[in-house]
């Protein structure tokens, strides 16, 4: 009998990071040790979810996905499906089931439980769950100093599972320890000791007790414990209370990535699975207005993700950002001098009509002569045939930089450098688009580039997305 569990997992850490001392120095304080990952100016929880999901789909065919769930407390829309947008960018098909989960640090855990139920009921064979956040803390607050941006994704199904979901349970705790009102830019917090003891330690302890009663296992009996944390030291302190050995407590990446909010649990689980062995048991506890607990058992199939190095490879390929003023502008905390407006007005109808180009990055291949083109074209540029083509996917391709121009005045006032690139794939198809996540001194003709889904602007009162190219981070270079 097939069991239900996680059959793929992936994550995404942005290119930029900021040292905590850089933030502290802006306010004349000493600063804590470590760094926070930082979303680029063209990134948000949507684009990072697409990145994490693409990483997850490295180990699973997208054709097997029947549903997609989006979990975040920082989705750009108050009223519109984010999951539909993410599934479209991933080109998962128009008939899959989608749903959004939000308003809680436990929304990824809620989506995981819902995904389990979706598979158990037989409604779906595989459910892809993305989790992503870009949260703001008050300037000069400890939250600003520790919040980091990231995304993660898991797939739940019955086939080739790398970790079975053995049991799960929840405990509830109505408390104002951390919250954000509608319209707030910053996360609000209660007094530190009250929030730590009543908002974190109490529900986590209750979840551990409930797991012991249900399974007979103490927290210290598990090979790995994934314990989310609202700050730098809370999880380690709680682990000592529970008798968990330090080597069994999964790294929460607060020191290198920061407190990432909703995706934190999946980030930690991803790393735990990549470092695990068949037969090991993993306990995952996700806090936030209570706690959700999950018990996993690692299977032989875990070997298929051993070379993923999902988090490690992103940490190795990133760049320090040390300009605090630009950081505040990127976060929309401060408004920089506006640049030149876009000359092409946005159109909801055109965005809908051209989504195969804008969102899916589909090109065309002539059925008569085999010429490939982007964007799709009804008329073949080589043989002139009309409406005789097939659609081809481009989003996972590695391309090479054919030529480029570097404009130092074309961008935003807080991000003025624009690299306009012409890239070429192995079949000679050329794409014209902007480059992102680059170090100017490292740009060379012939360098390997990959496509990345990014936000272009907010004209028309809605986020406009398209694809850019960047130096290879997610995939392997040619």
Protein backbone atom coordinates (compact mmCIF):
# COMPACT_ATOMS: atom_id res chain seq x y z
CA UNK A 1 0.00 0.00 0.00
CA UNK A 2 1.40 3.37 -1.02
CA UNK A 3 2.04 5.81 1.80
CA UNK A 4 1.65 9.58 1.69
CA UNK A 5 4.63 11.81 2.18
CA UNK A 6 7.01 14.35 0.73
CA UNK A 7 8.36 13.33 -2.67
CA UNK A 8 10.31 16.47 -3.54
CA UNK A 9 11.56 19.61 -1.86
CA UNK A 10 13.42 22.78 -2.81
CA UNK A 11 14.23 26.27 -1.63
CA UNK A 12 15.43 29.69 -2.73
CA UNK A 13 17.68 32.27 -1.04
CA UNK A 14 18.06 35.69 -2.73
CA UNK A 15 21.30 36.91 -4.29
CA UNK A 16 21.77 39.78 -1.85
CA UNK A 17 22.40 39.63 1.87
CA UNK A 18 23.01 42.36 4.44
CA UNK A 19 25.34 42.07 7.39
CA UNK A 20 23.55 42.93 10.64
CA UNK A 21 26.36 45.29 11.56
CA UNK A 22 25.53 47.35 8.46
CA UNK A 23 22.01 47.88 9.81
CA UNK A 24 23.29 48.65 13.30
CA UNK A 25 25.89 51.13 12.08
CA UNK A 26 23.16 53.15 10.37
CA UNK A 27 21.72 53.73 13.83
CA UNK A 28 24.98 54.06 15.73
CA UNK A 29 24.59 50.79 17.61
CA UNK A 30 26.85 47.77 17.95
CA UNK A 31 24.84 45.19 16.04
CA UNK A 32 24.45 41.43 16.26
CA UNK A 33 26.53 38.74 14.58
CA UNK A 34 25.24 37.30 11.33
CA UNK A 35 23.47 38.38 8.16
CA UNK A 36 20.02 38.48 6.58
CA UNK A 37 19.09 37.45 3.05
CA UNK A 38 17.53 40.35 1.17
CA UNK A 39 15.12 40.29 -1.76
CA UNK A 40 16.24 42.32 -4.74
CA UNK A 41 14.18 45.31 -5.86
CA UNK A 42 12.47 43.14 -8.51
CA UNK A 43 11.59 40.28 -6.14
CA UNK A 44 8.59 39.56 -3.93
CA UNK A 45 6.88 36.54 -2.42
CA UNK A 46 5.48 35.59 -5.85
CA UNK A 47 8.79 35.56 -7.71
CA UNK A 48 10.56 33.73 -4.89
CA UNK A 49 7.80 31.11 -4.78
CA UNK A 50 8.34 30.46 -8.50
CA UNK A 51 12.07 30.03 -7.79
CA UNK A 52 11.54 27.59 -4.92
CA UNK A 53 8.95 25.62 -6.86
CA UNK A 54 11.31 25.38 -9.84
CA UNK A 55 13.95 23.96 -7.50
CA UNK A 56 11.42 21.45 -6.18
CA UNK A 57 10.49 20.41 -9.72
CA UNK A 58 14.11 19.44 -10.41
CA UNK A 59 13.29 16.15 -8.69
CA UNK A 60 9.77 15.67 -10.02
CA UNK A 61 8.00 16.18 -13.33
CA UNK A 62 5.60 19.10 -13.38
CA UNK A 63 3.14 16.97 -15.36
CA UNK A 64 2.47 14.98 -12.16
CA UNK A 65 1.28 18.04 -10.19
CA UNK A 66 -2.51 18.25 -9.72
CA UNK A 67 -2.70 21.11 -7.20
CA UNK A 68 -0.65 24.08 -6.02
CA UNK A 69 -0.93 25.84 -2.66
CA UNK A 70 0.66 29.24 -1.96
CA UNK A 71 1.53 30.11 1.66
CA UNK A 72 2.67 33.59 2.68
CA UNK A 73 1.80 36.57 4.87
CA UNK A 74 3.28 39.03 2.36
CA UNK A 75 1.51 38.24 -0.90
CA UNK A 76 1.20 41.43 -3.00
CA UNK A 77 -2.57 41.15 -3.41
CA UNK A 78 -5.24 41.58 -0.75
CA UNK A 79 -7.84 40.20 -3.13
CA UNK A 80 -6.60 37.99 -5.95
CA UNK A 81 -5.30 34.43 -6.20
CA UNK A 82 -1.53 34.27 -5.81
CA UNK A 83 -1.55 30.51 -6.33
CA UNK A 84 -3.05 30.94 -9.79
CA UNK A 85 -0.27 33.35 -10.75
CA UNK A 86 2.48 31.05 -9.46
CA UNK A 87 0.99 27.98 -11.17
CA UNK A 88 0.73 29.90 -14.46
CA UNK A 89 4.36 31.04 -14.28
CA UNK A 90 5.30 27.40 -13.73
CA UNK A 91 3.03 26.39 -16.65
CA UNK A 92 1.30 23.69 -14.63
CA UNK A 93 -1.84 23.74 -16.75
CA UNK A 94 -5.21 25.40 -16.41
CA UNK A 95 -7.07 22.48 -14.82
CA UNK A 96 -5.12 22.05 -11.58
CA UNK A 97 -6.60 23.00 -8.20
CA UNK A 98 -5.04 26.03 -6.49
CA UNK A 99 -5.47 27.66 -3.10
CA UNK A 100 -3.92 30.44 -0.99
CA UNK A 101 -2.94 30.15 2.68
CA UNK A 102 -2.02 33.22 4.72
CA UNK A 103 -2.40 35.41 7.81
CA UNK A 104 -0.33 33.09 10.02
CA UNK A 105 3.27 31.97 10.52
CA UNK A 106 1.79 28.47 10.42
CA UNK A 107 0.23 28.85 6.96
CA UNK A 108 2.83 26.56 5.33
CA UNK A 109 2.03 23.89 7.92
CA UNK A 110 -1.69 24.39 7.25
CA UNK A 111 -1.04 23.97 3.53
CA UNK A 112 0.95 20.80 4.23
CA UNK A 113 -1.95 19.31 6.18
CA UNK A 114 -4.37 20.32 3.45
CA UNK A 115 -2.08 18.78 0.84
CA UNK A 116 -1.99 15.54 2.80
CA UNK A 117 -5.80 15.51 2.92
CA UNK A 118 -6.01 16.29 -0.80
CA UNK A 119 -3.86 13.25 -1.62
CA UNK A 120 -5.52 11.01 0.99
CA UNK A 121 -8.95 11.75 -0.45
CA UNK A 122 -7.78 10.88 -3.95
CA UNK A 123 -8.66 14.34 -5.29
CA UNK A 124 -5.01 14.89 -6.26
CA UNK A 125 -2.02 12.67 -6.84
CA UNK A 126 0.59 15.32 -6.06
CA UNK A 127 0.26 18.71 -4.40
CA UNK A 128 2.99 21.36 -4.76
CA UNK A 129 3.18 23.76 -1.79
CA UNK A 130 5.17 26.98 -1.96
CA UNK A 131 6.04 29.21 1.01
CA UNK A 132 7.62 32.64 0.70
CA UNK A 133 7.90 35.90 2.64
CA UNK A 134 9.41 39.39 2.50
CA UNK A 135 8.61 40.94 5.90
CA UNK A 136 9.50 44.38 7.23
CA UNK A 137 10.51 45.16 10.80
CA UNK A 138 10.42 48.67 12.25
CA UNK A 139 13.65 50.53 11.44
CA UNK A 140 16.11 50.18 14.35
CA UNK A 141 14.12 47.27 15.78
CA UNK A 142 15.43 43.77 16.49
CA UNK A 143 12.99 42.50 13.86
CA UNK A 144 14.65 44.62 11.18
CA UNK A 145 17.99 43.28 12.30
CA UNK A 146 16.88 39.63 12.10
CA UNK A 147 14.19 39.35 9.39
CA UNK A 148 15.41 37.65 6.22
CA UNK A 149 13.76 36.83 2.89
CA UNK A 150 13.53 33.37 1.37
CA UNK A 151 11.21 30.76 -0.12
CA UNK A 152 10.77 27.00 -0.02
CA UNK A 153 8.53 24.39 -1.63
CA UNK A 154 7.53 20.78 -1.01
CA UNK A 155 5.53 18.29 -3.01
CA UNK A 156 3.19 15.83 -1.29
CA UNK A 157 2.11 12.59 -2.93
CA UNK A 158 2.07 8.80 -2.79
CA UNK A 159 4.84 7.87 -5.23
CA UNK A 160 8.60 7.82 -4.58
CA UNK A 161 8.26 9.64 -1.27
CA UNK A 162 11.51 10.70 0.36
CA UNK A 163 9.86 11.03 3.78
CA UNK A 164 6.56 9.60 4.92
CA UNK A 165 4.17 11.78 6.92
CA UNK A 166 3.45 9.52 9.88
CA UNK A 167 1.30 11.82 12.01
CA UNK A 168 0.50 15.44 12.68
CA UNK A 169 -1.40 17.47 15.26
CA UNK A 170 -2.06 21.05 16.33
CA UNK A 171 -2.40 23.09 19.51
CA UNK A 172 -3.91 26.57 19.58
CA UNK A 173 -2.89 29.67 21.55
CA UNK A 174 -4.80 32.93 21.13
CA UNK A 175 -2.21 35.61 21.87
CA UNK A 176 -0.87 38.90 20.53
CA UNK A 177 2.85 38.14 20.51
CA UNK A 178 3.60 39.12 16.89
CA UNK A 179 1.02 40.55 14.53
CA UNK A 180 0.40 42.99 11.69
CA UNK A 181 -2.82 44.93 11.16
CA UNK A 182 -4.33 45.41 7.73
CA UNK A 183 -2.41 48.22 6.07
CA UNK A 184 0.59 47.99 8.40
CA UNK A 185 4.04 48.09 6.85
CA UNK A 186 5.81 46.64 9.89
CA UNK A 187 5.34 43.60 12.10
CA UNK A 188 4.27 44.52 15.64
CA UNK A 189 5.54 42.67 18.71
CA UNK A 190 4.63 42.31 22.36
CA UNK A 191 7.09 42.62 25.24
CA UNK A 192 9.99 40.25 24.59
CA UNK A 193 9.78 37.95 27.61
CA UNK A 194 5.99 37.63 27.39
CA UNK A 195 6.16 36.84 23.66
CA UNK A 196 8.93 34.25 24.16
CA UNK A 197 7.41 32.44 27.11
CA UNK A 198 3.70 32.55 26.34
CA UNK A 199 3.76 32.87 22.56
CA UNK A 200 6.57 30.42 21.81
CA UNK A 201 7.70 28.15 24.65
CA UNK A 202 4.22 27.30 25.90
CA UNK A 203 2.65 26.11 22.61
CA UNK A 204 5.84 24.34 21.49
CA UNK A 205 5.95 22.48 24.81
CA UNK A 206 2.29 21.54 24.47
CA UNK A 207 2.87 20.23 20.94
CA UNK A 208 5.79 18.09 22.13
CA UNK A 209 3.62 16.68 24.95
CA UNK A 210 0.86 15.88 22.47
CA UNK A 211 3.33 14.07 20.19
CA UNK A 212 4.59 12.03 23.15
CA UNK A 213 1.05 10.99 24.04
CA UNK A 214 0.21 10.11 20.44
CA UNK A 215 3.42 8.30 19.44
CA UNK A 216 5.18 7.45 22.69
CA UNK A 217 8.24 9.36 21.49
CA UNK A 218 9.99 12.14 23.38
CA UNK A 219 11.51 15.01 21.44
CA UNK A 220 15.00 13.70 22.25
CA UNK A 221 14.16 10.36 20.60
CA UNK A 222 14.09 11.84 17.10
CA UNK A 223 17.16 11.82 14.87
CA UNK A 224 16.49 15.40 13.77
CA UNK A 225 14.24 18.09 15.20
CA UNK A 226 13.08 20.96 12.99
CA UNK A 227 12.03 23.69 15.41
CA UNK A 228 11.10 27.07 13.98
CA UNK A 229 12.20 30.11 15.94
CA UNK A 230 11.03 33.74 16.20
CA UNK A 231 14.60 34.91 16.81
CA UNK A 232 18.21 33.87 17.14
CA UNK A 233 18.26 31.82 20.34
CA UNK A 234 14.72 30.74 21.21
CA UNK A 235 14.85 27.35 19.51
CA UNK A 236 18.19 26.41 21.10
CA UNK A 237 16.86 27.40 24.53
CA UNK A 238 13.71 25.33 23.97
CA UNK A 239 15.78 22.37 22.77
CA UNK A 240 17.76 22.38 26.02
CA UNK A 241 14.50 22.33 27.99
CA UNK A 242 13.30 19.35 25.95
CA UNK A 243 16.58 17.45 26.32
CA UNK A 244 17.38 17.56 22.60
CA UNK A 245 21.07 17.15 21.88
CA UNK A 246 22.58 20.09 19.93
CA UNK A 247 23.65 17.84 17.04
CA UNK A 248 20.03 16.70 16.58
CA UNK A 249 18.59 20.20 16.44
CA UNK A 250 18.30 21.31 12.83
CA UNK A 251 20.01 24.60 11.94
CA UNK A 252 17.35 27.33 11.65
CA UNK A 253 19.64 29.49 9.45
CA UNK A 254 18.85 32.60 11.50
CA UNK A 255 22.57 33.41 11.61
CA UNK A 256 23.03 33.32 7.82
CA UNK A 257 19.58 33.91 6.30
CA UNK A 258 17.51 35.40 9.11
CA UNK A 259 14.03 34.81 10.49
CA UNK A 260 12.15 34.12 7.27
CA UNK A 261 8.57 33.76 8.53
CA UNK A 262 6.31 31.28 6.75
CA UNK A 263 9.00 29.44 4.71
CA UNK A 264 11.29 28.87 7.71
CA UNK A 265 9.99 25.37 8.47
CA UNK A 266 10.32 24.15 4.87
CA UNK A 267 13.82 25.66 4.57
CA UNK A 268 14.92 23.76 7.65
CA UNK A 269 13.17 20.57 6.53
CA UNK A 270 14.87 20.78 3.15
CA UNK A 271 18.31 20.89 4.70
CA UNK A 272 17.41 18.20 7.24
CA UNK A 273 16.29 15.81 4.50
CA UNK A 274 19.38 16.41 2.38
CA UNK A 275 21.53 15.46 5.38
CA UNK A 276 19.41 12.52 6.55
CA UNK A 277 19.61 8.77 6.02
CA UNK A 278 16.92 6.15 5.35
CA UNK A 279 15.08 5.12 8.49
CA UNK A 280 15.71 8.33 10.42
CA UNK A 281 12.78 10.04 12.11
CA UNK A 282 12.27 13.80 11.94
CA UNK A 283 10.08 15.91 14.22
CA UNK A 284 8.98 19.29 12.82
CA UNK A 285 7.25 21.89 15.00
CA UNK A 286 5.97 25.14 13.51
CA UNK A 287 4.95 27.92 15.90
CA UNK A 288 2.64 30.93 15.57
CA UNK A 289 -0.58 31.43 17.55
CA UNK A 290 -0.12 27.86 18.72
CA UNK A 291 1.92 25.13 17.05
CA UNK A 292 1.69 22.39 14.43
CA UNK A 293 3.74 19.21 14.82
CA UNK A 294 4.64 16.65 12.15
CA UNK A 295 6.48 13.33 12.34
CA UNK A 296 8.37 12.09 9.26
CA UNK A 297 10.30 8.91 8.50
CA UNK A 298 13.01 9.13 5.84
CA UNK A 299 12.89 6.52 3.08
CA UNK A 300 15.41 5.07 0.64
CA UNK A 301 14.24 7.57 -1.98
CA UNK A 302 15.94 10.39 -0.10
CA UNK A 303 19.05 9.64 -2.14
CA UNK A 304 17.53 11.40 -5.16
CA UNK A 305 17.90 14.82 -3.47
CA UNK A 306 21.34 14.23 -1.95
CA UNK A 307 23.06 16.33 -4.61
CA UNK A 308 20.58 19.17 -4.36
CA UNK A 309 22.51 21.21 -1.81
CA UNK A 310 19.59 23.59 -2.06
CA UNK A 311 20.54 26.07 0.64
CA UNK A 312 24.32 25.61 0.50
CA UNK A 313 24.58 26.46 -3.20
CA UNK A 314 22.62 29.68 -2.75
CA UNK A 315 24.70 30.75 0.23
CA UNK A 316 27.86 30.16 -1.81
CA UNK A 317 26.61 32.30 -4.72
CA UNK A 318 25.42 35.53 -3.20
CA UNK A 319 26.64 39.08 -2.71
CA UNK A 320 26.76 41.50 0.20
CA UNK A 321 24.56 44.58 0.06
CA UNK A 322 25.95 47.32 2.31
CA UNK A 323 23.87 50.43 1.51
CA UNK A 324 21.23 50.86 4.20
CA UNK A 325 19.50 53.77 2.46
CA UNK A 326 18.95 51.76 -0.71
CA UNK A 327 17.75 48.85 1.42
CA UNK A 328 14.99 51.06 2.88
CA UNK A 329 14.05 52.21 -0.62
CA UNK A 330 13.93 48.63 -1.93
CA UNK A 331 11.56 47.79 0.97
CA UNK A 332 9.38 50.83 0.18
CA UNK A 333 10.05 52.21 3.65
CA UNK A 334 11.51 55.35 2.04
CA UNK A 335 10.67 56.65 -1.41
CA UNK A 336 13.60 57.60 -3.60
CA UNK A 337 13.38 60.21 -6.36
CA UNK A 338 11.16 58.72 -9.10
CA UNK A 339 12.82 57.81 -12.37
CA UNK A 340 11.47 58.12 -15.88
CA UNK A 341 8.07 56.41 -16.24
CA UNK A 342 7.58 53.41 -18.51
CA UNK A 343 6.51 54.53 -21.96
CA UNK A 344 4.16 51.59 -22.54
CA UNK A 345 0.96 51.80 -20.45
CA UNK A 346 -0.09 48.59 -18.68
CA UNK A 347 -3.14 46.72 -19.84
CA UNK A 348 -5.01 44.03 -17.91
CA UNK A 349 -6.39 42.61 -21.16
CA UNK A 350 -2.97 42.47 -22.84
CA UNK A 351 -1.41 40.94 -19.73
CA UNK A 352 -4.07 38.24 -19.88
CA UNK A 353 -3.80 37.80 -23.66
CA UNK A 354 0.01 37.56 -23.70
CA UNK A 355 0.47 35.43 -20.57
CA UNK A 356 2.08 32.60 -22.52
CA UNK A 357 4.92 35.02 -23.27
CA UNK A 358 4.91 37.21 -20.16
CA UNK A 359 4.34 34.52 -17.53
CA UNK A 360 5.15 31.15 -19.14
CA UNK A 361 8.08 32.22 -21.38
CA UNK A 362 6.85 29.99 -24.20
CA UNK A 363 8.43 30.16 -27.63
CA UNK A 364 7.60 28.54 -30.96
CA UNK A 365 9.18 25.91 -33.20
CA UNK A 366 8.28 25.79 -36.88
CA UNK A 367 6.98 22.35 -37.82
CA UNK A 368 8.28 22.70 -41.39
CA UNK A 369 11.85 23.89 -40.95
CA UNK A 370 12.49 23.56 -37.21
CA UNK A 371 13.30 27.24 -36.61
CA UNK A 372 12.75 28.31 -33.01
CA UNK A 373 11.69 31.81 -32.03
CA UNK A 374 10.84 33.89 -28.99
CA UNK A 375 8.32 35.26 -28.47
CA UNK A 376 5.96 32.94 -30.30
CA UNK A 377 5.28 34.08 -33.83
CA UNK A 378 2.50 33.01 -36.18
CA UNK A 379 4.83 33.47 -39.17
CA UNK A 380 8.12 31.57 -39.31
CA UNK A 381 11.00 33.99 -39.75
CA UNK A 382 12.90 31.42 -41.82
CA UNK A 383 10.50 29.68 -44.21
CA UNK A 384 7.46 31.95 -43.91
CA UNK A 385 4.96 29.22 -42.98
CA UNK A 386 1.82 30.49 -41.24
CA UNK A 387 0.33 29.07 -38.02
CA UNK A 388 2.30 25.85 -38.36
CA UNK A 389 4.28 25.69 -35.14
CA UNK A 390 4.45 23.98 -31.76
CA UNK A 391 4.96 25.68 -28.42
CA UNK A 392 8.26 25.11 -26.64
CA UNK A 393 9.26 25.79 -23.03
CA UNK A 394 12.23 28.02 -22.28
CA UNK A 395 12.14 28.72 -18.55
CA UNK A 396 14.55 25.92 -17.58
CA UNK A 397 17.09 26.58 -20.33
CA UNK A 398 20.67 27.67 -19.79
CA UNK A 399 21.66 30.38 -22.28
CA UNK A 400 24.84 32.25 -23.11
CA UNK A 401 25.28 36.01 -23.26
CA UNK A 402 25.48 36.99 -26.93
CA UNK A 403 25.78 40.74 -26.43
CA UNK A 404 24.68 43.40 -23.95
CA UNK A 405 24.63 47.10 -23.12
CA UNK A 406 25.17 48.59 -19.66
CA UNK A 407 23.11 51.74 -19.07
CA UNK A 408 23.96 53.73 -15.93
CA UNK A 409 20.95 56.06 -16.12
CA UNK A 410 18.02 53.95 -17.31
CA UNK A 411 16.97 52.35 -14.02
CA UNK A 412 15.31 53.56 -10.85
CA UNK A 413 17.09 56.29 -8.92
CA UNK A 414 17.91 53.78 -6.18
CA UNK A 415 18.92 51.08 -8.69
CA UNK A 416 20.12 52.96 -11.79
CA UNK A 417 22.20 50.37 -13.67
CA UNK A 418 20.27 48.43 -16.31
CA UNK A 419 21.94 45.63 -18.27
CA UNK A 420 20.02 44.92 -21.46
CA UNK A 421 21.06 41.51 -22.69
CA UNK A 422 20.68 39.41 -25.81
CA UNK A 423 21.14 35.75 -24.89
CA UNK A 424 21.25 32.66 -27.09
CA UNK A 425 20.30 29.06 -26.32
CA UNK A 426 21.86 25.92 -27.80
CA UNK A 427 19.47 25.98 -30.78
CA UNK A 428 20.31 29.54 -31.69
CA UNK A 429 17.13 31.10 -30.31
CA UNK A 430 17.81 34.61 -29.06
CA UNK A 431 16.06 36.40 -26.23
CA UNK A 432 16.18 40.10 -25.45
CA UNK A 433 15.64 40.93 -21.78
CA UNK A 434 17.18 42.61 -18.77
CA UNK A 435 19.76 41.04 -16.49
CA UNK A 436 19.42 40.92 -12.70
CA UNK A 437 21.43 39.70 -9.70
CA UNK A 438 24.71 40.59 -11.36
CA UNK A 439 28.11 41.94 -10.39
CA UNK A 440 28.97 44.38 -13.17
CA UNK A 441 32.66 43.45 -13.17
CA UNK A 442 31.81 39.79 -13.75
CA UNK A 443 29.71 40.29 -16.90
CA UNK A 444 31.45 38.69 -19.89
CA UNK A 445 30.27 37.74 -23.37
CA UNK A 446 29.62 34.00 -23.51
CA UNK A 447 28.83 33.66 -19.79
CA UNK A 448 26.14 31.17 -18.78
CA UNK A 449 22.80 32.67 -17.77
CA UNK A 450 19.49 31.25 -16.55
CA UNK A 451 15.97 32.66 -16.66
CA UNK A 452 14.36 34.03 -13.51
CA UNK A 453 10.81 35.29 -12.94
CA UNK A 454 10.78 38.90 -11.70
CA UNK A 455 8.56 41.89 -11.01
CA UNK A 456 8.93 44.65 -13.62
CA UNK A 457 6.72 47.49 -12.30
CA UNK A 458 3.44 48.29 -10.53
CA UNK A 459 1.80 50.45 -13.17
CA UNK A 460 -1.94 49.96 -13.59
CA UNK A 461 -2.21 49.37 -9.83
CA UNK A 462 -1.12 45.76 -10.09
CA UNK A 463 2.29 44.02 -10.14
CA UNK A 464 3.55 43.33 -13.65
CA UNK A 465 5.83 40.32 -14.02
CA UNK A 466 8.16 39.08 -16.74
CA UNK A 467 11.34 37.05 -17.07
CA UNK A 468 14.92 38.24 -16.78
CA UNK A 469 18.28 36.49 -17.01
CA UNK A 470 20.89 36.16 -14.29
CA UNK A 471 24.23 34.42 -13.74
CA UNK A 472 23.56 30.76 -12.97
CA UNK A 473 22.55 30.06 -9.36
CA UNK A 474 19.75 27.46 -9.41
CA UNK A 475 20.88 25.22 -12.23
CA UNK A 476 24.31 23.94 -13.25
CA UNK A 477 26.32 25.83 -15.84
CA UNK A 478 26.88 24.27 -19.27
